[in-house]
Amino acid sequence: MDNIRTLNGDLVARDLRFAIVAARFNDAIVDSLIRGAVDTLLRHGAGEKQIEIIRVPGAYDLPFIVKRVAASRRYDAVVALGAVIRGATPHFDHVAGQCASGLARAADETGVPVAFGVLTTDTIEQAVERAGTKAGNKGADAALCALELANLLKRLDV
């Protein structure tokens, strides 16, 4: 395996541009995800002018705007952030499922990496844990994913 070429994306922002598309619903949670994503991109060399934050009403609305943003070709990667917390009705299943499949479709159809930073949790406590306390910050994780994928695409020359 020593002679097999392996390609990876590095974690340096260089001249990359990022869009963070974030839901306003569950704002207290999502704001923490945004802070984590922005902090991560800045720590990896992005300047503030390389990052743009776009807000949408809720997680269900993310795919529609993410696809438009990605198709604009103004960004090397998109970070989608939101929080869908299970309630007493099947609403959670519909929103979470449509959001996830729509974001995957946006990446496939545009060829621009879309990092999935949408929390899908059973409780508000789980969401808080994943937005910067015990379980880390999933916004930061999504930003790292976007950064790595954007750099990997540049190395693939596709």
C-alpha atoms as a PDB file:
ATOM      1  CA  MET A   1       0.000   0.000   0.000  1.00  0.00           C
ATOM      2  CA  ASP A   2       3.015   2.285   0.234  1.00  0.00           C
ATOM      3  CA  ASN A   3       2.949   2.844  -3.527  1.00  0.00           C
ATOM      4  CA  ILE A   4      -0.754   3.684  -3.764  1.00  0.00           C
ATOM      5  CA  ARG A   5      -1.459   7.346  -4.332  1.00  0.00           C
ATOM      6  CA  THR A   6      -3.807   8.811  -1.735  1.00  0.00           C
ATOM      7  CA  LEU A   7      -5.485  12.186  -2.154  1.00  0.00           C
ATOM      8  CA  ASN A   8      -6.794  14.201   0.773  1.00  0.00           C
ATOM      9  CA  GLY A   9      -8.058  17.705   1.183  1.00  0.00           C
ATOM     10  CA  ASP A  10      -6.041  19.813   3.568  1.00  0.00           C
ATOM     11  CA  LEU A  11      -7.501  22.083   6.225  1.00  0.00           C
ATOM     12  CA  VAL A  12      -6.122  25.419   5.043  1.00  0.00           C
ATOM     13  CA  ALA A  13      -8.609  28.023   3.828  1.00  0.00           C
ATOM     14  CA  ARG A  14      -6.234  29.938   1.537  1.00  0.00           C
ATOM     15  CA  ASP A  15      -8.369  31.730  -1.055  1.00  0.00           C
ATOM     16  CA  LEU A  16     -11.518  29.662  -0.563  1.00  0.00           C
ATOM     17  CA  ARG A  17     -14.941  31.265  -0.148  1.00  0.00           C
ATOM     18  CA  PHE A  18     -17.589  29.800   2.130  1.00  0.00           C
ATOM     19  CA  ALA A  19     -21.305  30.341   2.537  1.00  0.00           C
ATOM     20  CA  ILE A  20     -22.884  29.420   5.841  1.00  0.00           C
ATOM     21  CA  VAL A  21     -26.608  28.951   5.323  1.00  0.00           C
ATOM     22  CA  ALA A  22     -28.314  28.779   8.710  1.00  0.00           C
ATOM     23  CA  ALA A  23     -31.873  28.377   9.940  1.00  0.00           C
ATOM     24  CA  ARG A  24     -33.346  30.928  12.345  1.00  0.00           C
ATOM     25  CA  PHE A  25     -35.686  28.372  13.959  1.00  0.00           C
ATOM     26  CA  ASN A  26     -34.114  27.149  17.236  1.00  0.00           C
ATOM     27  CA  ASP A  27     -31.962  30.270  17.024  1.00  0.00           C
ATOM     28  CA  ALA A  28     -30.209  29.865  20.370  1.00  0.00           C
ATOM     29  CA  ILE A  29     -28.831  26.503  19.232  1.00  0.00           C
ATOM     30  CA  VAL A  30     -28.109  27.540  15.649  1.00  0.00           C
ATOM     31  CA  ASP A  31     -26.257  30.690  16.728  1.00  0.00           C
ATOM     32  CA  SER A  32     -23.803  28.474  18.626  1.00  0.00           C
ATOM     33  CA  LEU A  33     -23.348  26.335  15.508  1.00  0.00           C
ATOM     34  CA  ILE A  34     -22.659  29.461  13.457  1.00  0.00           C
ATOM     35  CA  ARG A  35     -20.083  30.693  15.967  1.00  0.00           C
ATOM     36  CA  GLY A  36     -18.376  27.299  15.864  1.00  0.00           C
ATOM     37  CA  ALA A  37     -18.298  27.227  12.062  1.00  0.00           C
ATOM     38  CA  VAL A  38     -16.994  30.790  11.708  1.00  0.00           C
ATOM     39  CA  ASP A  39     -14.364  30.309  14.405  1.00  0.00           C
ATOM     40  CA  THR A  40     -13.144  27.120  12.732  1.00  0.00           C
ATOM     41  CA  LEU A  41     -12.839  28.727   9.303  1.00  0.00           C
ATOM     42  CA  LEU A  42     -11.012  31.734  10.744  1.00  0.00           C
ATOM     43  CA  ARG A  43      -8.625  29.487  12.692  1.00  0.00           C
ATOM     44  CA  HIS A  44      -7.802  27.644   9.470  1.00  0.00           C
ATOM     45  CA  GLY A  45      -6.818  30.786   7.608  1.00  0.00           C
ATOM     46  CA  ALA A  46     -10.019  32.216   6.157  1.00  0.00           C
ATOM     47  CA  GLY A  47     -10.509  35.945   6.362  1.00  0.00           C
ATOM     48  CA  GLU A  48     -13.850  37.448   7.311  1.00  0.00           C
ATOM     49  CA  LYS A  49     -14.395  38.508   3.681  1.00  0.00           C
ATOM     50  CA  GLN A  50     -14.189  34.857   2.610  1.00  0.00           C
ATOM     51  CA  ILE A  51     -17.231  33.918   4.729  1.00  0.00           C
ATOM     52  CA  GLU A  52     -20.826  34.919   4.156  1.00  0.00           C
ATOM     53  CA  ILE A  53     -23.748  34.001   6.435  1.00  0.00           C
ATOM     54  CA  ILE A  54     -27.178  33.597   4.885  1.00  0.00           C
ATOM     55  CA  ARG A  55     -30.204  33.076   7.153  1.00  0.00           C
ATOM     56  CA  VAL A  56     -33.383  31.160   6.261  1.00  0.00           C
ATOM     57  CA  PRO A  57     -36.548  30.604   8.332  1.00  0.00           C
ATOM     58  CA  GLY A  58     -36.058  26.919   9.194  1.00  0.00           C
ATOM     59  CA  ALA A  59     -34.256  23.663   8.415  1.00  0.00           C
ATOM     60  CA  TYR A  60     -36.864  22.699   5.826  1.00  0.00           C
ATOM     61  CA  ASP A  61     -35.886  25.836   3.872  1.00  0.00           C
ATOM     62  CA  LEU A  62     -32.176  25.086   3.822  1.00  0.00           C
ATOM     63  CA  PRO A  63     -32.038  22.901   0.670  1.00  0.00           C
ATOM     64  CA  PHE A  64     -33.815  25.442  -1.535  1.00  0.00           C
ATOM     65  CA  ILE A  65     -31.434  28.272  -0.662  1.00  0.00           C
ATOM     66  CA  VAL A  66     -28.327  26.063  -0.411  1.00  0.00           C
ATOM     67  CA  LYS A  67     -28.910  24.841  -3.958  1.00  0.00           C
ATOM     68  CA  ARG A  68     -29.213  28.425  -5.257  1.00  0.00           C
ATOM     69  CA  VAL A  69     -26.132  29.516  -3.323  1.00  0.00           C
ATOM     70  CA  ALA A  70     -24.082  26.558  -4.547  1.00  0.00           C
ATOM     71  CA  ALA A  71     -25.261  27.003  -8.144  1.00  0.00           C
ATOM     72  CA  SER A  72     -24.097  30.637  -8.076  1.00  0.00           C
ATOM     73  CA  ARG A  73     -20.481  29.373  -8.098  1.00  0.00           C
ATOM     74  CA  ARG A  74     -19.533  32.241  -5.781  1.00  0.00           C
ATOM     75  CA  TYR A  75     -18.464  29.779  -3.072  1.00  0.00           C
ATOM     76  CA  ASP A  76     -16.110  26.824  -2.893  1.00  0.00           C
ATOM     77  CA  ALA A  77     -18.260  25.125  -0.259  1.00  0.00           C
ATOM     78  CA  VAL A  78     -21.486  25.624   1.667  1.00  0.00           C
ATOM     79  CA  VAL A  79     -22.054  24.860   5.340  1.00  0.00           C
ATOM     80  CA  ALA A  80     -25.717  24.151   6.156  1.00  0.00           C
ATOM     81  CA  LEU A  81     -26.654  24.674   9.809  1.00  0.00           C
ATOM     82  CA  GLY A  82     -29.887  24.085  11.679  1.00  0.00           C
ATOM     83  CA  ALA A  83     -31.524  22.207  14.525  1.00  0.00           C
ATOM     84  CA  VAL A  84     -34.529  19.917  14.274  1.00  0.00           C
ATOM     85  CA  ILE A  85     -35.700  18.686  17.673  1.00  0.00           C
ATOM     86  CA  ARG A  86     -38.196  15.840  17.952  1.00  0.00           C
ATOM     87  CA  GLY A  87     -41.630  16.727  19.276  1.00  0.00           C
ATOM     88  CA  ALA A  88     -44.854  14.845  19.881  1.00  0.00           C
ATOM     89  CA  THR A  89     -45.883  14.766  16.203  1.00  0.00           C
ATOM     90  CA  PRO A  90     -44.352  13.249  13.036  1.00  0.00           C
ATOM     91  CA  HIS A  91     -43.295  16.759  11.949  1.00  0.00           C
ATOM     92  CA  PHE A  92     -39.688  15.979  12.967  1.00  0.00           C
ATOM     93  CA  ASP A  93     -39.429  13.034  10.566  1.00  0.00           C
ATOM     94  CA  HIS A  94     -40.700  15.038   7.618  1.00  0.00           C
ATOM     95  CA  VAL A  95     -38.514  18.081   8.248  1.00  0.00           C
ATOM     96  CA  ALA A  96     -35.330  16.168   9.082  1.00  0.00           C
ATOM     97  CA  GLY A  97     -35.699  13.751   6.175  1.00  0.00           C
ATOM     98  CA  GLN A  98     -36.484  16.398   3.573  1.00  0.00           C
ATOM     99  CA  CYS A  99     -33.693  18.609   4.837  1.00  0.00           C
ATOM    100  CA  ALA A 100     -31.062  15.854   4.669  1.00  0.00           C
ATOM    101  CA  SER A 101     -32.061  14.536   1.256  1.00  0.00           C
ATOM    102  CA  GLY A 102     -32.452  18.049  -0.171  1.00  0.00           C
ATOM    103  CA  LEU A 103     -28.978  19.087   0.975  1.00  0.00           C
ATOM    104  CA  ALA A 104     -27.441  15.931  -0.503  1.00  0.00           C
ATOM    105  CA  ARG A 105     -29.269  16.592  -3.762  1.00  0.00           C
ATOM    106  CA  ALA A 106     -28.021  20.209  -3.820  1.00  0.00           C
ATOM    107  CA  ALA A 107     -24.416  19.021  -3.576  1.00  0.00           C
ATOM    108  CA  ASP A 108     -24.924  16.326  -6.215  1.00  0.00           C
ATOM    109  CA  GLU A 109     -26.651  18.652  -8.671  1.00  0.00           C
ATOM    110  CA  THR A 110     -24.268  21.598  -8.328  1.00  0.00           C
ATOM    111  CA  GLY A 111     -20.956  19.836  -7.733  1.00  0.00           C
ATOM    112  CA  VAL A 112     -20.279  22.152  -4.790  1.00  0.00           C
ATOM    113  CA  PRO A 113     -19.603  20.553  -1.407  1.00  0.00           C
ATOM    114  CA  VAL A 114     -22.435  20.991   1.097  1.00  0.00           C
ATOM    115  CA  ALA A 115     -21.486  20.147   4.664  1.00  0.00           C
ATOM    116  CA  PHE A 116     -24.348  18.837   6.802  1.00  0.00           C
ATOM    117  CA  GLY A 117     -24.413  20.689  10.117  1.00  0.00           C
ATOM    118  CA  VAL A 118     -28.078  20.177  10.914  1.00  0.00           C
ATOM    119  CA  LEU A 119     -28.697  18.718  14.343  1.00  0.00           C
ATOM    120  CA  THR A 120     -31.462  16.116  14.493  1.00  0.00           C
ATOM    121  CA  THR A 121     -32.001  15.356  18.152  1.00  0.00           C
ATOM    122  CA  ASP A 122     -34.633  13.886  20.441  1.00  0.00           C
ATOM    123  CA  THR A 123     -34.303  16.589  23.094  1.00  0.00           C
ATOM    124  CA  ILE A 124     -33.232  20.191  23.529  1.00  0.00           C
ATOM    125  CA  GLU A 125     -30.532  18.960  25.922  1.00  0.00           C
ATOM    126  CA  GLN A 126     -29.000  16.824  23.179  1.00  0.00           C
ATOM    127  CA  ALA A 127     -29.043  19.812  20.833  1.00  0.00           C
ATOM    128  CA  VAL A 128     -27.282  21.998  23.421  1.00  0.00           C
ATOM    129  CA  GLU A 129     -24.644  19.281  23.914  1.00  0.00           C
ATOM    130  CA  ARG A 130     -23.935  19.165  20.172  1.00  0.00           C
ATOM    131  CA  ALA A 131     -23.843  22.943  19.792  1.00  0.00           C
ATOM    132  CA  GLY A 132     -20.751  23.527  21.859  1.00  0.00           C
ATOM    133  CA  THR A 133     -20.840  21.761  25.201  1.00  0.00           C
ATOM    134  CA  LYS A 134     -20.228  18.073  25.998  1.00  0.00           C
ATOM    135  CA  ALA A 135     -20.421  16.674  22.450  1.00  0.00           C
ATOM    136  CA  GLY A 136     -18.365  19.394  20.775  1.00  0.00           C
ATOM    137  CA  ASN A 137     -19.724  21.813  18.202  1.00  0.00           C
ATOM    138  CA  LYS A 138     -21.242  20.251  15.091  1.00  0.00           C
ATOM    139  CA  GLY A 139     -21.065  23.621  13.324  1.00  0.00           C
ATOM    140  CA  ALA A 140     -17.293  23.501  13.702  1.00  0.00           C
ATOM    141  CA  ASP A 141     -17.263  19.899  12.470  1.00  0.00           C
ATOM    142  CA  ALA A 142     -19.315  20.850   9.402  1.00  0.00           C
ATOM    143  CA  ALA A 143     -16.941  23.746   8.632  1.00  0.00           C
ATOM    144  CA  LEU A 144     -13.961  21.367   8.753  1.00  0.00           C
ATOM    145  CA  CYS A 145     -15.776  19.015   6.387  1.00  0.00           C
ATOM    146  CA  ALA A 146     -16.523  21.864   3.956  1.00  0.00           C
ATOM    147  CA  LEU A 147     -12.912  23.027   4.089  1.00  0.00           C
ATOM    148  CA  GLU A 148     -11.510  19.561   3.450  1.00  0.00           C
ATOM    149  CA  LEU A 149     -13.916  18.802   0.601  1.00  0.00           C
ATOM    150  CA  ALA A 150     -13.289  22.147  -1.123  1.00  0.00           C
ATOM    151  CA  ASN A 151      -9.546  21.516  -1.041  1.00  0.00           C
ATOM    152  CA  LEU A 152      -9.945  17.920  -2.169  1.00  0.00           C
ATOM    153  CA  LEU A 153     -11.962  19.041  -5.206  1.00  0.00           C
ATOM    154  CA  LYS A 154      -9.161  21.425  -6.149  1.00  0.00           C
ATOM    155  CA  ARG A 155      -6.655  18.552  -5.954  1.00  0.00           C
ATOM    156  CA  LEU A 156      -8.844  16.289  -8.071  1.00  0.00           C
ATOM    157  CA  ASP A 157      -8.961  18.910 -10.831  1.00  0.00           C
ATOM    158  CA  VAL A 158     -12.617  18.178 -11.616  1.00  0.00           C
END
